[in-house]
Amino acid sequence: MVDIQKTLDTLFGKLQKEVATKVPNFAAFFYFMIAIGALIGIMVMQHYPGQALMAVLIPALAGAIAYYNRAYATAIFLLIIVIIFMM
């Protein structure tokens, strides 16, 4: 587990340097992700109104866990990327 954490720290250090030099691109990507989340929220509300609360709570809880656990955040991020490419 310690090796994974060191590897993630190195990876995030490189990512941080890259993002810091390209803040405008990062901000645009961030707002784009918010827009995608809003569209998904609209689709959930239209097709599954009973699941609307879960559509809000699950990402919020996952975000809180990811804030405190970087390995979890990385694993979930990779899982989401794989799911997106499988669609």
Protein backbone atom coordinates (compact mmCIF):
# COMPACT_ATOMS: atom_id res chain seq x y z
CA MET A 1 0.00 0.00 0.00
CA VAL A 2 2.89 2.34 0.75
CA ASP A 3 4.39 1.74 -2.71
CA ILE A 4 1.06 2.58 -4.32
CA GLN A 5 0.85 5.78 -2.30
CA LYS A 6 4.39 6.81 -3.32
CA THR A 7 3.61 6.06 -6.96
CA LEU A 8 0.39 8.08 -6.75
CA ASP A 9 2.23 10.95 -5.04
CA THR A 10 4.78 11.01 -7.85
CA LEU A 11 2.06 10.86 -10.47
CA PHE A 12 0.02 13.60 -8.81
CA GLY A 13 3.15 15.74 -8.44
CA LYS A 14 3.74 15.56 -12.19
CA LEU A 15 0.06 16.22 -12.83
CA GLN A 16 0.11 19.22 -10.49
CA LYS A 17 3.05 20.76 -12.36
CA GLU A 18 1.30 20.21 -15.67
CA VAL A 19 -1.99 21.65 -14.44
CA ALA A 20 -0.33 24.63 -12.80
CA THR A 21 1.15 25.62 -16.14
CA LYS A 22 -2.19 25.16 -17.89
CA VAL A 23 -4.75 26.57 -15.45
CA PRO A 24 -7.06 27.94 -18.17
CA ASN A 25 -7.32 24.49 -19.75
CA PHE A 26 -8.00 22.95 -16.37
CA ALA A 27 -10.73 25.49 -15.61
CA ALA A 28 -12.37 24.84 -18.98
CA PHE A 29 -12.24 21.09 -18.36
CA PHE A 30 -13.73 21.58 -14.89
CA TYR A 31 -16.68 23.59 -16.22
CA PHE A 32 -17.16 21.06 -19.01
CA MET A 33 -17.42 18.30 -16.41
CA ILE A 34 -19.98 20.33 -14.46
CA ALA A 35 -22.04 20.72 -17.65
CA ILE A 36 -21.92 16.96 -18.28
CA GLY A 37 -23.04 16.34 -14.69
CA ALA A 38 -25.94 18.74 -15.14
CA LEU A 39 -27.03 16.96 -18.32
CA ILE A 40 -26.89 13.60 -16.59
CA GLY A 41 -28.93 15.09 -13.75
CA ILE A 42 -31.57 16.31 -16.18
CA MET A 43 -31.76 12.88 -17.82
CA VAL A 44 -32.14 11.14 -14.45
CA MET A 45 -34.91 13.53 -13.41
CA GLN A 46 -36.82 12.97 -16.66
CA HIS A 47 -36.52 9.19 -16.83
CA TYR A 48 -36.17 8.15 -13.18
CA PRO A 49 -37.68 10.81 -10.90
CA GLY A 50 -37.67 8.41 -7.94
CA GLN A 51 -33.89 8.04 -8.17
CA ALA A 52 -33.14 11.78 -8.22
CA LEU A 53 -32.03 11.91 -4.57
CA MET A 54 -29.59 9.04 -5.12
CA ALA A 55 -28.24 10.80 -8.24
CA VAL A 56 -27.28 13.70 -5.98
CA LEU A 57 -26.16 11.85 -2.84
CA ILE A 58 -23.99 9.10 -4.36
CA PRO A 59 -21.58 11.45 -6.17
CA ALA A 60 -21.45 13.71 -3.11
CA LEU A 61 -20.56 10.79 -0.82
CA ALA A 62 -18.04 9.46 -3.33
CA GLY A 63 -16.48 12.92 -3.50
CA ALA A 64 -16.20 13.10 0.29
CA ILE A 65 -14.51 9.68 0.40
CA ALA A 66 -12.21 10.62 -2.49
CA TYR A 67 -11.21 13.81 -0.66
CA TYR A 68 -9.76 11.76 2.18
CA ASN A 69 -8.49 8.73 0.22
CA ARG A 70 -6.39 9.36 -2.89
CA ALA A 71 -6.14 5.66 -3.83
CA TYR A 72 -9.96 5.41 -3.84
CA ALA A 73 -10.21 8.57 -5.94
CA THR A 74 -7.75 7.23 -8.49
CA ALA A 75 -9.46 3.83 -8.70
CA ILE A 76 -12.90 5.37 -9.18
CA PHE A 77 -11.56 7.82 -11.76
CA LEU A 78 -10.02 4.98 -13.77
CA LEU A 79 -13.24 2.96 -13.49
CA ILE A 80 -15.27 5.89 -14.82
CA ILE A 81 -12.85 6.35 -17.72
CA VAL A 82 -13.16 2.64 -18.61
CA ILE A 83 -16.96 2.84 -18.44
CA ILE A 84 -17.00 5.92 -20.68
CA PHE A 85 -14.85 4.23 -23.30
CA MET A 86 -17.00 1.10 -23.18
CA MET A 87 -20.11 3.11 -24.07
